[in-house]
Amino acid sequence: MAATSCYGVASVERGFLASLGSIVLVDLLLAGDNAVVIAMAVRALPPRRRRAGILLGAAVAVALRIALTFLVAQLLAARFVKLAGGVLILWVAAKLFREDEPAAGPEREARSRRSSSSRSPT
């Protein structure tokens, strides 16, 4: 953190505040995603077990986020990891922008589970 003291008042660089804001925004998006997944997982439970499931799910989500953040910070400190990630991103981008024909395979119409389960296979 790049905090400096000027006349007894701490000041923070703008870049730090921008980084902090983006981290908070991503965290809020992930928290919303976690809430949806937890709600879907506990929707069929009785009310008492549902509450326990929500609390346990939120605790596990926070613990996983902390552990995986630490792991990623350690990985980014390793040599050539950023370079390998950049090469992989370029490879994916090249595949997306390539103007070749789509992958060979049978073309099928997309169906939902409900419509495909009601039909018998022919």
C-alpha atoms as a PDB file:
ATOM      1  CA  MET A   1       0.000   0.000   0.000  1.00  0.00           C
ATOM      2  CA  ALA A   2       1.404   3.345  -0.963  1.00  0.00           C
ATOM      3  CA  ALA A   3       0.270   5.513   1.923  1.00  0.00           C
ATOM      4  CA  THR A   4       2.189   8.682   2.657  1.00  0.00           C
ATOM      5  CA  SER A   5       1.849  11.156   5.447  1.00  0.00           C
ATOM      6  CA  CYS A   6       1.542  14.824   4.692  1.00  0.00           C
ATOM      7  CA  TYR A   7       1.126  17.129   7.660  1.00  0.00           C
ATOM      8  CA  GLY A   8      -0.193  14.298   9.808  1.00  0.00           C
ATOM      9  CA  VAL A   9      -2.876  13.290   7.283  1.00  0.00           C
ATOM     10  CA  ALA A  10      -2.558   9.962   5.496  1.00  0.00           C
ATOM     11  CA  SER A  11      -3.067  10.052   1.746  1.00  0.00           C
ATOM     12  CA  VAL A  12      -3.498   7.156  -0.643  1.00  0.00           C
ATOM     13  CA  GLU A  13      -2.553   7.038  -4.318  1.00  0.00           C
ATOM     14  CA  ARG A  14      -5.318   7.058  -6.914  1.00  0.00           C
ATOM     15  CA  GLY A  15      -4.073   3.819  -8.483  1.00  0.00           C
ATOM     16  CA  PHE A  16      -4.495   2.035  -5.172  1.00  0.00           C
ATOM     17  CA  LEU A  17      -8.047   3.309  -4.814  1.00  0.00           C
ATOM     18  CA  ALA A  18      -8.883   2.231  -8.373  1.00  0.00           C
ATOM     19  CA  SER A  19      -7.479  -1.250  -7.698  1.00  0.00           C
ATOM     20  CA  LEU A  20      -9.367  -1.481  -4.427  1.00  0.00           C
ATOM     21  CA  GLY A  21     -12.590  -0.434  -6.159  1.00  0.00           C
ATOM     22  CA  SER A  22     -12.211  -3.089  -8.851  1.00  0.00           C
ATOM     23  CA  ILE A  23     -11.527  -5.766  -6.221  1.00  0.00           C
ATOM     24  CA  VAL A  24     -14.645  -4.754  -4.299  1.00  0.00           C
ATOM     25  CA  LEU A  25     -16.713  -4.828  -7.503  1.00  0.00           C
ATOM     26  CA  VAL A  26     -15.505  -8.318  -8.428  1.00  0.00           C
ATOM     27  CA  ASP A  27     -16.108  -9.474  -4.854  1.00  0.00           C
ATOM     28  CA  LEU A  28     -19.692  -8.209  -4.980  1.00  0.00           C
ATOM     29  CA  LEU A  29     -20.292 -10.012  -8.268  1.00  0.00           C
ATOM     30  CA  LEU A  30     -18.879 -13.251  -6.877  1.00  0.00           C
ATOM     31  CA  ALA A  31     -20.927 -12.895  -3.707  1.00  0.00           C
ATOM     32  CA  GLY A  32     -24.099 -12.570  -5.779  1.00  0.00           C
ATOM     33  CA  ASP A  33     -23.168 -15.649  -7.761  1.00  0.00           C
ATOM     34  CA  ASN A  34     -22.499 -17.578  -4.546  1.00  0.00           C
ATOM     35  CA  ALA A  35     -25.859 -16.509  -3.141  1.00  0.00           C
ATOM     36  CA  VAL A  36     -27.676 -17.879  -6.193  1.00  0.00           C
ATOM     37  CA  VAL A  37     -25.821 -21.205  -6.033  1.00  0.00           C
ATOM     38  CA  ILE A  38     -26.436 -21.569  -2.288  1.00  0.00           C
ATOM     39  CA  ALA A  39     -30.127 -20.704  -2.709  1.00  0.00           C
ATOM     40  CA  MET A  40     -30.509 -23.323  -5.443  1.00  0.00           C
ATOM     41  CA  ALA A  41     -28.744 -25.931  -3.299  1.00  0.00           C
ATOM     42  CA  VAL A  42     -30.929 -25.450  -0.205  1.00  0.00           C
ATOM     43  CA  ARG A  43     -34.304 -24.693  -1.775  1.00  0.00           C
ATOM     44  CA  ALA A  44     -35.719 -28.171  -1.168  1.00  0.00           C
ATOM     45  CA  LEU A  45     -34.569 -28.432   2.477  1.00  0.00           C
ATOM     46  CA  PRO A  46     -36.863 -27.902   5.448  1.00  0.00           C
ATOM     47  CA  PRO A  47     -36.626 -24.372   6.938  1.00  0.00           C
ATOM     48  CA  ARG A  48     -34.364 -25.310   9.864  1.00  0.00           C
ATOM     49  CA  ARG A  49     -31.880 -27.220   7.688  1.00  0.00           C
ATOM     50  CA  ARG A  50     -32.146 -24.543   4.986  1.00  0.00           C
ATOM     51  CA  ARG A  51     -30.855 -21.899   7.409  1.00  0.00           C
ATOM     52  CA  ALA A  52     -27.962 -24.143   8.438  1.00  0.00           C
ATOM     53  CA  GLY A  53     -27.202 -24.843   4.782  1.00  0.00           C
ATOM     54  CA  ILE A  54     -27.133 -21.143   3.943  1.00  0.00           C
ATOM     55  CA  LEU A  55     -24.790 -20.362   6.841  1.00  0.00           C
ATOM     56  CA  LEU A  56     -22.496 -23.290   6.076  1.00  0.00           C
ATOM     57  CA  GLY A  57     -22.499 -22.490   2.354  1.00  0.00           C
ATOM     58  CA  ALA A  58     -21.602 -18.850   2.989  1.00  0.00           C
ATOM     59  CA  ALA A  59     -18.822 -19.843   5.402  1.00  0.00           C
ATOM     60  CA  VAL A  60     -17.358 -22.340   2.942  1.00  0.00           C
ATOM     61  CA  ALA A  61     -17.567 -19.781   0.117  1.00  0.00           C
ATOM     62  CA  VAL A  62     -15.640 -17.210   2.177  1.00  0.00           C
ATOM     63  CA  ALA A  63     -13.038 -19.783   3.258  1.00  0.00           C
ATOM     64  CA  LEU A  64     -12.544 -20.974  -0.322  1.00  0.00           C
ATOM     65  CA  ARG A  65     -12.209 -17.416  -1.589  1.00  0.00           C
ATOM     66  CA  ILE A  66      -9.514 -16.668   1.003  1.00  0.00           C
ATOM     67  CA  ALA A  67      -7.626 -19.901   0.322  1.00  0.00           C
ATOM     68  CA  LEU A  68      -7.792 -19.568  -3.458  1.00  0.00           C
ATOM     69  CA  THR A  69      -6.746 -15.902  -3.310  1.00  0.00           C
ATOM     70  CA  PHE A  70      -3.661 -16.930  -1.357  1.00  0.00           C
ATOM     71  CA  LEU A  71      -2.949 -19.737  -3.840  1.00  0.00           C
ATOM     72  CA  VAL A  72      -3.277 -17.446  -6.865  1.00  0.00           C
ATOM     73  CA  ALA A  73      -1.029 -14.831  -5.244  1.00  0.00           C
ATOM     74  CA  GLN A  74       1.620 -17.528  -4.765  1.00  0.00           C
ATOM     75  CA  LEU A  75       1.225 -18.756  -8.348  1.00  0.00           C
ATOM     76  CA  LEU A  76       1.592 -15.257  -9.777  1.00  0.00           C
ATOM     77  CA  ALA A  77       4.889 -14.884  -7.929  1.00  0.00           C
ATOM     78  CA  ALA A  78       6.287 -17.939  -9.768  1.00  0.00           C
ATOM     79  CA  ARG A  79       8.429 -17.398 -12.858  1.00  0.00           C
ATOM     80  CA  PHE A  80       6.767 -17.287 -16.263  1.00  0.00           C
ATOM     81  CA  VAL A  81       3.213 -17.904 -14.992  1.00  0.00           C
ATOM     82  CA  LYS A  82       2.015 -14.545 -16.317  1.00  0.00           C
ATOM     83  CA  LEU A  83       3.759 -15.244 -19.622  1.00  0.00           C
ATOM     84  CA  ALA A  84       2.117 -18.677 -19.888  1.00  0.00           C
ATOM     85  CA  GLY A  85      -1.275 -17.126 -19.089  1.00  0.00           C
ATOM     86  CA  GLY A  86      -0.753 -14.483 -21.767  1.00  0.00           C
ATOM     87  CA  VAL A  87       0.181 -17.129 -24.333  1.00  0.00           C
ATOM     88  CA  LEU A  88      -2.953 -19.132 -23.457  1.00  0.00           C
ATOM     89  CA  ILE A  89      -5.137 -16.039 -23.810  1.00  0.00           C
ATOM     90  CA  LEU A  90      -3.592 -15.296 -27.212  1.00  0.00           C
ATOM     91  CA  TRP A  91      -4.225 -18.895 -28.282  1.00  0.00           C
ATOM     92  CA  VAL A  92      -7.899 -18.667 -27.250  1.00  0.00           C
ATOM     93  CA  ALA A  93      -8.253 -15.291 -29.000  1.00  0.00           C
ATOM     94  CA  ALA A  94      -6.711 -16.707 -32.174  1.00  0.00           C
ATOM     95  CA  LYS A  95      -9.153 -19.624 -32.098  1.00  0.00           C
ATOM     96  CA  LEU A  96     -12.079 -17.228 -31.651  1.00  0.00           C
ATOM     97  CA  PHE A  97     -11.058 -14.944 -34.501  1.00  0.00           C
ATOM     98  CA  ARG A  98     -10.003 -17.656 -36.908  1.00  0.00           C
ATOM     99  CA  GLU A  99     -12.258 -17.660 -39.934  1.00  0.00           C
ATOM    100  CA  ASP A 100     -12.170 -21.389 -40.557  1.00  0.00           C
ATOM    101  CA  GLU A 101     -15.332 -23.392 -40.773  1.00  0.00           C
ATOM    102  CA  PRO A 102     -16.867 -24.528 -37.493  1.00  0.00           C
ATOM    103  CA  ALA A 103     -15.771 -27.826 -36.037  1.00  0.00           C
ATOM    104  CA  ALA A 104     -17.034 -30.806 -37.982  1.00  0.00           C
ATOM    105  CA  GLY A 105     -19.889 -32.624 -36.338  1.00  0.00           C
ATOM    106  CA  PRO A 106     -23.564 -33.272 -36.660  1.00  0.00           C
ATOM    107  CA  GLU A 107     -25.644 -30.165 -36.457  1.00  0.00           C
ATOM    108  CA  ARG A 108     -28.507 -30.548 -34.038  1.00  0.00           C
ATOM    109  CA  GLU A 109     -31.231 -28.298 -32.880  1.00  0.00           C
ATOM    110  CA  ALA A 110     -30.910 -27.220 -29.266  1.00  0.00           C
ATOM    111  CA  ARG A 111     -33.618 -28.577 -27.000  1.00  0.00           C
ATOM    112  CA  SER A 112     -34.399 -28.183 -23.358  1.00  0.00           C
ATOM    113  CA  ARG A 113     -34.388 -31.171 -21.041  1.00  0.00           C
ATOM    114  CA  ARG A 114     -38.124 -30.989 -20.703  1.00  0.00           C
ATOM    115  CA  SER A 115     -38.800 -31.214 -24.430  1.00  0.00           C
ATOM    116  CA  SER A 116     -36.200 -33.921 -25.034  1.00  0.00           C
ATOM    117  CA  SER A 117     -37.324 -36.085 -22.116  1.00  0.00           C
ATOM    118  CA  SER A 118     -40.948 -36.116 -23.257  1.00  0.00           C
ATOM    119  CA  ARG A 119     -40.023 -37.540 -26.661  1.00  0.00           C
ATOM    120  CA  SER A 120     -39.094 -41.125 -27.159  1.00  0.00           C
ATOM    121  CA  PRO A 121     -35.891 -41.883 -29.064  1.00  0.00           C
ATOM    122  CA  THR A 122     -36.388 -43.023 -32.642  1.00  0.00           C
END
